[in-house]
Amino acid sequence: MEWRVIVAMLVAIPIILLPAAFVWYFNIGGLFAALKERRRQRKTIREVEEMTEGVHLDQITDLVDGVNETMAGIHAAEESLKATAGPKGLQEALRDLQTSYELMARARALESSLHELTRGMQSREQEPASAVLQRAAAARG
C-alpha cells in the first residue's frame, strides 16, 4: 500500500467511527438508565409489599366506607337543620345538631383509626392492623 492510502485511511476511519461511537454511547447510556429505573421500581414495589403485608385492602375499604357514611349523615343533619324553622322546628334542629355532633365525633374516630392504620403500614413496629380495626369497629358501633 502506498503511504497516501494509509494516511487517508488513518484520517477517514476516526471521522467515520466518531459519529457511530457517539450514537452507541447514547444507546448504551439509555439502556443503563432504563435498567437502573427498573431496579428502583422493583425495590419500591418490594418495600410497599413488605409494608402492606399484614393489611388487607378490604380492611382499609371498610374504614373509608365508615368515614363516608358518617360524613353523609353529617351532611344530612346539616341539611335538616337548614330546612327546619319555627319553635317545633327548633327542637328538631337541636336534636339534629346533637346527632350531627355525634356523627362528627365518630368520623374523627374513624379518620384517626385510618390514619393510625396507614402509619402502621409505614412502620412495622407499630401495633398490628387488627387492633386498629377493632378500635375502628368500636368507634363505628
N, C-alpha and C. Protein backbone atom coordinates (compact mmCIF):
# COMPACT_ATOMS: atom_id res chain seq x y z
N MET A 1 0.82 -1.17 0.00
CA MET A 1 0.00 0.00 0.00
C MET A 1 0.88 1.25 0.00
N GLU A 2 0.38 2.22 -0.65
CA GLU A 2 1.11 3.48 -0.68
C GLU A 2 0.88 4.23 0.61
N TRP A 3 1.77 5.08 0.91
CA TRP A 3 1.67 5.85 2.15
C TRP A 3 0.49 6.80 2.12
N ARG A 4 0.10 7.24 0.93
CA ARG A 4 -1.03 8.15 0.82
C ARG A 4 -2.35 7.46 1.18
N VAL A 5 -2.49 6.22 0.80
CA VAL A 5 -3.69 5.44 1.13
C VAL A 5 -3.75 5.20 2.64
N ILE A 6 -2.61 4.89 3.22
CA ILE A 6 -2.55 4.65 4.67
C ILE A 6 -2.92 5.92 5.42
N VAL A 7 -2.40 7.06 5.01
CA VAL A 7 -2.72 8.33 5.67
C VAL A 7 -4.21 8.65 5.49
N ALA A 8 -4.74 8.39 4.30
CA ALA A 8 -6.17 8.65 4.05
C ALA A 8 -7.03 7.77 4.95
N MET A 9 -6.63 6.51 5.11
CA MET A 9 -7.39 5.61 5.99
C MET A 9 -7.29 6.05 7.45
N LEU A 10 -6.11 6.49 7.87
CA LEU A 10 -5.93 6.95 9.25
C LEU A 10 -6.76 8.20 9.53
N VAL A 11 -6.99 9.02 8.53
CA VAL A 11 -7.81 10.21 8.71
C VAL A 11 -9.30 9.86 8.59
N ALA A 12 -9.67 8.98 7.67
CA ALA A 12 -11.08 8.67 7.40
C ALA A 12 -11.71 7.79 8.48
N ILE A 13 -10.96 6.85 9.00
CA ILE A 13 -11.53 5.91 9.99
C ILE A 13 -12.05 6.64 11.23
N PRO A 14 -11.28 7.53 11.86
CA PRO A 14 -11.85 8.24 13.03
C PRO A 14 -13.04 9.12 12.66
N ILE A 15 -13.02 9.71 11.46
CA ILE A 15 -14.14 10.55 11.04
C ILE A 15 -15.40 9.71 10.88
N ILE A 16 -15.29 8.49 10.41
CA ILE A 16 -16.44 7.61 10.24
C ILE A 16 -16.87 7.00 11.57
N LEU A 17 -15.92 6.58 12.39
CA LEU A 17 -16.25 5.89 13.64
C LEU A 17 -16.70 6.82 14.76
N LEU A 18 -16.29 8.10 14.74
CA LEU A 18 -16.67 9.02 15.81
C LEU A 18 -18.19 9.20 15.91
N PRO A 19 -18.91 9.47 14.84
CA PRO A 19 -20.38 9.57 14.98
C PRO A 19 -21.03 8.26 15.39
N ALA A 20 -20.52 7.15 14.89
CA ALA A 20 -21.08 5.85 15.27
C ALA A 20 -20.87 5.60 16.77
N ALA A 21 -19.68 5.92 17.27
CA ALA A 21 -19.41 5.74 18.70
C ALA A 21 -20.29 6.68 19.52
N PHE A 22 -20.54 7.87 19.02
CA PHE A 22 -21.40 8.83 19.71
C PHE A 22 -22.81 8.28 19.84
N VAL A 23 -23.37 7.71 18.78
CA VAL A 23 -24.71 7.12 18.81
C VAL A 23 -24.73 5.90 19.72
N TRP A 24 -23.72 5.06 19.65
CA TRP A 24 -23.67 3.89 20.52
C TRP A 24 -23.63 4.31 21.99
N TYR A 25 -22.88 5.37 22.28
CA TYR A 25 -22.78 5.86 23.66
C TYR A 25 -24.17 6.21 24.21
N PHE A 26 -24.97 6.94 23.41
CA PHE A 26 -26.30 7.31 23.87
C PHE A 26 -27.21 6.10 23.99
N ASN A 27 -27.12 5.16 23.08
CA ASN A 27 -27.95 3.95 23.17
C ASN A 27 -27.61 3.14 24.41
N ILE A 28 -26.36 2.92 24.66
CA ILE A 28 -25.94 2.12 25.81
C ILE A 28 -26.25 2.88 27.11
N GLY A 29 -26.04 4.20 27.11
CA GLY A 29 -26.38 5.01 28.29
C GLY A 29 -27.86 4.95 28.59
N GLY A 30 -28.70 4.98 27.54
CA GLY A 30 -30.15 4.88 27.73
C GLY A 30 -30.54 3.52 28.29
N LEU A 31 -29.89 2.47 27.81
CA LEU A 31 -30.17 1.13 28.34
C LEU A 31 -29.82 1.05 29.82
N PHE A 32 -28.66 1.58 30.20
CA PHE A 32 -28.28 1.54 31.60
C PHE A 32 -29.24 2.36 32.46
N ALA A 33 -29.68 3.51 31.97
CA ALA A 33 -30.63 4.33 32.72
C ALA A 33 -31.97 3.60 32.88
N ALA A 34 -32.42 2.92 31.82
CA ALA A 34 -33.68 2.17 31.91
C ALA A 34 -33.56 1.02 32.90
N LEU A 35 -32.42 0.32 32.88
CA LEU A 35 -32.22 -0.78 33.83
C LEU A 35 -32.17 -0.25 35.27
N LYS A 36 -31.52 0.88 35.46
CA LYS A 36 -31.44 1.47 36.80
C LYS A 36 -32.84 1.87 37.29
N GLU A 37 -33.64 2.48 36.43
CA GLU A 37 -35.01 2.86 36.78
C GLU A 37 -35.85 1.63 37.11
N ARG A 38 -35.69 0.57 36.33
CA ARG A 38 -36.45 -0.67 36.57
C ARG A 38 -36.09 -1.27 37.93
N ARG A 39 -34.79 -1.25 38.27
CA ARG A 39 -34.38 -1.77 39.59
C ARG A 39 -34.99 -0.93 40.71
N ARG A 40 -35.01 0.41 40.53
CA ARG A 40 -35.58 1.28 41.54
C ARG A 40 -37.07 1.01 41.71
N GLN A 41 -37.78 0.78 40.59
CA GLN A 41 -39.21 0.47 40.67
C GLN A 41 -39.45 -0.85 41.38
N ARG A 42 -38.65 -1.85 41.06
CA ARG A 42 -38.81 -3.15 41.73
C ARG A 42 -38.56 -3.03 43.23
N LYS A 43 -37.55 -2.24 43.60
CA LYS A 43 -37.25 -2.04 45.02
C LYS A 43 -38.43 -1.35 45.71
N THR A 44 -39.01 -0.35 45.08
CA THR A 44 -40.15 0.36 45.64
C THR A 44 -41.34 -0.59 45.79
N ILE A 45 -41.59 -1.41 44.79
CA ILE A 45 -42.69 -2.38 44.85
C ILE A 45 -42.48 -3.35 46.01
N ARG A 46 -41.25 -3.84 46.17
CA ARG A 46 -40.95 -4.76 47.28
C ARG A 46 -41.18 -4.08 48.63
N GLU A 47 -40.77 -2.82 48.76
CA GLU A 47 -40.96 -2.10 50.03
C GLU A 47 -42.44 -1.92 50.33
N VAL A 48 -43.24 -1.59 49.33
CA VAL A 48 -44.67 -1.43 49.54
C VAL A 48 -45.31 -2.75 49.92
N GLU A 49 -44.90 -3.83 49.26
CA GLU A 49 -45.44 -5.15 49.60
C GLU A 49 -45.09 -5.53 51.03
N GLU A 50 -43.88 -5.20 51.48
CA GLU A 50 -43.49 -5.50 52.86
C GLU A 50 -44.31 -4.68 53.86
N MET A 51 -44.56 -3.40 53.53
CA MET A 51 -45.32 -2.54 54.44
C MET A 51 -46.77 -2.99 54.56
N THR A 52 -47.34 -3.49 53.48
CA THR A 52 -48.76 -3.85 53.47
C THR A 52 -48.97 -5.34 53.65
N GLU A 53 -47.97 -6.04 54.11
CA GLU A 53 -48.04 -7.50 54.22
C GLU A 53 -49.21 -7.98 55.08
N GLY A 54 -49.44 -7.37 56.24
CA GLY A 54 -50.49 -7.85 57.13
C GLY A 54 -51.82 -7.13 56.98
N VAL A 55 -51.88 -6.16 56.08
CA VAL A 55 -53.08 -5.35 55.94
C VAL A 55 -53.78 -5.73 54.64
N HIS A 56 -55.07 -5.95 54.74
CA HIS A 56 -55.85 -6.31 53.56
C HIS A 56 -56.58 -5.07 53.06
N LEU A 57 -56.77 -5.02 51.77
CA LEU A 57 -57.42 -3.88 51.15
C LEU A 57 -58.85 -3.71 51.65
N ASP A 58 -59.53 -4.82 51.94
CA ASP A 58 -60.92 -4.69 52.39
C ASP A 58 -61.00 -4.07 53.79
N GLN A 59 -59.95 -4.21 54.60
CA GLN A 59 -59.94 -3.55 55.91
C GLN A 59 -59.90 -2.04 55.74
N ILE A 60 -59.04 -1.57 54.85
CA ILE A 60 -58.95 -0.13 54.60
C ILE A 60 -60.24 0.36 53.97
N THR A 61 -60.79 -0.43 53.05
CA THR A 61 -62.03 -0.04 52.39
C THR A 61 -63.16 0.08 53.40
N ASP A 62 -63.23 -0.82 54.38
CA ASP A 62 -64.26 -0.74 55.41
C ASP A 62 -64.14 0.56 56.20
N LEU A 63 -62.90 0.93 56.56
CA LEU A 63 -62.70 2.18 57.29
C LEU A 63 -63.13 3.38 56.45
N VAL A 64 -62.74 3.39 55.19
CA VAL A 64 -63.10 4.51 54.32
C VAL A 64 -64.62 4.57 54.14
N ASP A 65 -65.26 3.42 53.98
CA ASP A 65 -66.72 3.39 53.86
C ASP A 65 -67.38 3.94 55.12
N GLY A 66 -66.85 3.58 56.28
CA GLY A 66 -67.39 4.10 57.54
C GLY A 66 -67.27 5.61 57.62
N VAL A 67 -66.13 6.14 57.20
CA VAL A 67 -65.95 7.59 57.20
C VAL A 67 -66.94 8.24 56.24
N ASN A 68 -67.10 7.65 55.05
CA ASN A 68 -68.03 8.22 54.06
C ASN A 68 -69.48 8.19 54.56
N GLU A 69 -69.89 7.10 55.19
CA GLU A 69 -71.25 7.01 55.72
C GLU A 69 -71.47 8.05 56.81
N THR A 70 -70.48 8.21 57.67
CA THR A 70 -70.60 9.18 58.74
C THR A 70 -70.68 10.60 58.19
N MET A 71 -69.87 10.90 57.19
CA MET A 71 -69.90 12.23 56.59
C MET A 71 -71.24 12.47 55.89
N ALA A 72 -71.80 11.44 55.27
CA ALA A 72 -73.12 11.59 54.64
C ALA A 72 -74.18 11.88 55.69
N GLY A 73 -74.09 11.23 56.84
CA GLY A 73 -75.02 11.51 57.94
C GLY A 73 -74.87 12.93 58.45
N ILE A 74 -73.65 13.42 58.52
CA ILE A 74 -73.42 14.79 58.97
C ILE A 74 -74.05 15.78 57.99
N HIS A 75 -73.84 15.53 56.71
CA HIS A 75 -74.41 16.44 55.71
C HIS A 75 -75.95 16.40 55.74
N ALA A 76 -76.51 15.22 55.94
CA ALA A 76 -77.97 15.12 56.02
C ALA A 76 -78.50 15.89 57.23
N ALA A 77 -77.80 15.78 58.36
CA ALA A 77 -78.21 16.51 59.56
C ALA A 77 -78.10 18.01 59.34
N GLU A 78 -77.05 18.44 58.67
CA GLU A 78 -76.89 19.87 58.39
C GLU A 78 -78.00 20.38 57.47
N GLU A 79 -78.35 19.60 56.47
CA GLU A 79 -79.43 19.99 55.57
C GLU A 79 -80.76 20.06 56.31
N SER A 80 -80.98 19.13 57.22
CA SER A 80 -82.19 19.14 58.02
C SER A 80 -82.24 20.38 58.90
N LEU A 81 -81.08 20.76 59.46
CA LEU A 81 -81.01 21.98 60.26
C LEU A 81 -81.38 23.21 59.45
N LYS A 82 -80.90 23.27 58.24
CA LYS A 82 -81.18 24.42 57.39
C LYS A 82 -82.66 24.48 56.99
N ALA A 83 -83.27 23.32 56.85
CA ALA A 83 -84.65 23.26 56.36
C ALA A 83 -85.67 23.55 57.45
N THR A 84 -85.32 23.33 58.71
CA THR A 84 -86.31 23.49 59.79
C THR A 84 -86.47 24.96 60.16
N ALA A 85 -87.68 25.29 60.62
CA ALA A 85 -87.96 26.66 61.07
C ALA A 85 -89.08 26.61 62.10
N GLY A 86 -89.21 27.65 62.92
CA GLY A 86 -90.28 27.72 63.92
C GLY A 86 -89.88 27.03 65.21
N PRO A 87 -90.75 27.16 66.31
CA PRO A 87 -90.42 26.59 67.61
C PRO A 87 -90.33 25.07 67.58
N LYS A 88 -91.26 24.43 66.90
CA LYS A 88 -91.21 22.97 66.82
C LYS A 88 -90.01 22.54 65.98
N GLY A 89 -89.76 23.29 64.93
CA GLY A 89 -88.59 23.01 64.10
C GLY A 89 -87.29 23.23 64.84
N LEU A 90 -87.30 24.15 65.83
CA LEU A 90 -86.11 24.42 66.61
C LEU A 90 -85.73 23.21 67.46
N GLN A 91 -86.73 22.54 68.05
CA GLN A 91 -86.44 21.33 68.83
C GLN A 91 -85.86 20.24 67.92
N GLU A 92 -86.44 20.09 66.76
CA GLU A 92 -85.92 19.11 65.81
C GLU A 92 -84.50 19.49 65.38
N ALA A 93 -84.30 20.78 65.20
CA ALA A 93 -82.98 21.24 64.80
C ALA A 93 -81.95 20.95 65.88
N LEU A 94 -82.33 21.13 67.15
CA LEU A 94 -81.40 20.82 68.25
C LEU A 94 -81.07 19.34 68.29
N ARG A 95 -82.11 18.49 68.08
CA ARG A 95 -81.85 17.04 68.03
C ARG A 95 -80.92 16.70 66.87
N ASP A 96 -81.20 17.31 65.73
CA ASP A 96 -80.34 17.06 64.56
C ASP A 96 -78.92 17.56 64.79
N LEU A 97 -78.80 18.68 65.50
CA LEU A 97 -77.47 19.22 65.80
C LEU A 97 -76.71 18.27 66.71
N GLN A 98 -77.40 17.71 67.70
CA GLN A 98 -76.76 16.75 68.59
C GLN A 98 -76.33 15.51 67.81
N THR A 99 -77.20 15.04 66.93
CA THR A 99 -76.86 13.90 66.08
C THR A 99 -75.66 14.23 65.20
N SER A 100 -75.64 15.45 64.69
CA SER A 100 -74.54 15.87 63.84
C SER A 100 -73.22 15.85 64.61
N TYR A 101 -73.24 16.35 65.86
CA TYR A 101 -72.02 16.32 66.67
C TYR A 101 -71.58 14.89 66.97
N GLU A 102 -72.50 14.02 67.24
CA GLU A 102 -72.16 12.62 67.48
C GLU A 102 -71.55 11.99 66.24
N LEU A 103 -72.14 12.28 65.09
CA LEU A 103 -71.61 11.74 63.85
C LEU A 103 -70.23 12.30 63.55
N MET A 104 -70.02 13.58 63.86
CA MET A 104 -68.70 14.17 63.64
C MET A 104 -67.66 13.52 64.54
N ALA A 105 -68.03 13.20 65.77
CA ALA A 105 -67.09 12.53 66.67
C ALA A 105 -66.75 11.14 66.14
N ARG A 106 -67.75 10.43 65.61
CA ARG A 106 -67.49 9.12 65.01
C ARG A 106 -66.59 9.24 63.80
N ALA A 107 -66.82 10.27 62.99
CA ALA A 107 -66.00 10.47 61.80
C ALA A 107 -64.55 10.75 62.19
N ARG A 108 -64.37 11.55 63.23
CA ARG A 108 -63.00 11.83 63.69
C ARG A 108 -62.34 10.55 64.20
N ALA A 109 -63.08 9.73 64.92
CA ALA A 109 -62.51 8.47 65.43
C ALA A 109 -62.14 7.55 64.28
N LEU A 110 -63.01 7.47 63.27
CA LEU A 110 -62.70 6.63 62.12
C LEU A 110 -61.51 7.18 61.34
N GLU A 111 -61.47 8.49 61.20
CA GLU A 111 -60.34 9.10 60.48
C GLU A 111 -59.04 8.85 61.23
N SER A 112 -59.10 8.94 62.56
CA SER A 112 -57.92 8.68 63.38
C SER A 112 -57.48 7.22 63.23
N SER A 113 -58.43 6.30 63.21
CA SER A 113 -58.10 4.89 63.03
C SER A 113 -57.48 4.65 61.67
N LEU A 114 -58.02 5.29 60.65
CA LEU A 114 -57.46 5.15 59.30
C LEU A 114 -56.05 5.71 59.26
N HIS A 115 -55.84 6.84 59.91
CA HIS A 115 -54.51 7.44 59.96
C HIS A 115 -53.53 6.51 60.67
N GLU A 116 -53.96 5.94 61.79
CA GLU A 116 -53.10 5.01 62.52
C GLU A 116 -52.80 3.76 61.70
N LEU A 117 -53.78 3.30 60.94
CA LEU A 117 -53.57 2.11 60.11
C LEU A 117 -52.55 2.41 59.03
N THR A 118 -52.66 3.54 58.37
CA THR A 118 -51.69 3.87 57.32
C THR A 118 -50.33 4.13 57.92
N ARG A 119 -50.28 4.73 59.11
CA ARG A 119 -48.99 4.94 59.78
C ARG A 119 -48.40 3.59 60.18
N GLY A 120 -49.24 2.66 60.59
CA GLY A 120 -48.77 1.32 60.95
C GLY A 120 -48.24 0.58 59.74
N MET A 121 -48.79 0.88 58.58
CA MET A 121 -48.27 0.27 57.35
C MET A 121 -46.86 0.78 57.07
N GLN A 122 -46.59 2.02 57.44
CA GLN A 122 -45.28 2.59 57.18
C GLN A 122 -44.24 2.10 58.17
N SER A 123 -44.65 1.81 59.38
CA SER A 123 -43.72 1.35 60.40
C SER A 123 -44.20 0.02 60.95
N ARG A 124 -43.42 -1.02 60.74
CA ARG A 124 -43.82 -2.37 61.15
C ARG A 124 -43.78 -2.52 62.67
N GLU A 125 -43.16 -1.59 63.41
CA GLU A 125 -43.05 -1.71 64.85
C GLU A 125 -44.33 -1.27 65.56
N GLN A 126 -45.25 -0.66 64.86
CA GLN A 126 -46.48 -0.20 65.48
C GLN A 126 -47.41 -1.38 65.74
N GLU A 127 -48.48 -1.11 66.40
CA GLU A 127 -49.42 -2.17 66.74
C GLU A 127 -50.01 -2.81 65.48
N PRO A 128 -50.44 -4.05 65.57
CA PRO A 128 -50.97 -4.73 64.38
C PRO A 128 -52.25 -4.06 63.87
N ALA A 129 -52.49 -4.27 62.60
CA ALA A 129 -53.65 -3.66 61.96
C ALA A 129 -54.96 -4.15 62.58
N SER A 130 -54.97 -5.38 63.09
CA SER A 130 -56.19 -5.91 63.67
C SER A 130 -56.62 -5.10 64.89
N ALA A 131 -55.66 -4.63 65.70
CA ALA A 131 -56.01 -3.81 66.86
C ALA A 131 -56.60 -2.48 66.43
N VAL A 132 -56.03 -1.89 65.37
CA VAL A 132 -56.55 -0.63 64.85
C VAL A 132 -57.95 -0.83 64.32
N LEU A 133 -58.18 -1.95 63.62
CA LEU A 133 -59.50 -2.22 63.07
C LEU A 133 -60.52 -2.48 64.17
N GLN A 134 -60.10 -3.10 65.26
CA GLN A 134 -61.02 -3.32 66.37
C GLN A 134 -61.43 -1.98 66.99
N ARG A 135 -60.47 -1.06 67.12
CA ARG A 135 -60.81 0.26 67.64
C ARG A 135 -61.74 0.99 66.68
N ALA A 136 -61.51 0.81 65.39
CA ALA A 136 -62.37 1.47 64.40
C ALA A 136 -63.79 0.90 64.48
N ALA A 137 -63.90 -0.42 64.66
CA ALA A 137 -65.21 -1.03 64.78
C ALA A 137 -65.92 -0.56 66.05
N ALA A 138 -65.16 -0.37 67.11
CA ALA A 138 -65.75 0.12 68.35
C ALA A 138 -66.21 1.56 68.19
N ALA A 139 -65.46 2.34 67.42
CA ALA A 139 -65.86 3.73 67.19
C ALA A 139 -67.09 3.80 66.30
N ARG A 140 -67.19 2.85 65.38
CA ARG A 140 -68.33 2.81 64.46
C ARG A 140 -69.61 2.40 65.18
N GLY A 141 -69.47 1.42 66.05
CA GLY A 141 -70.67 0.85 66.69
C GLY A 141 -70.95 1.53 67.97
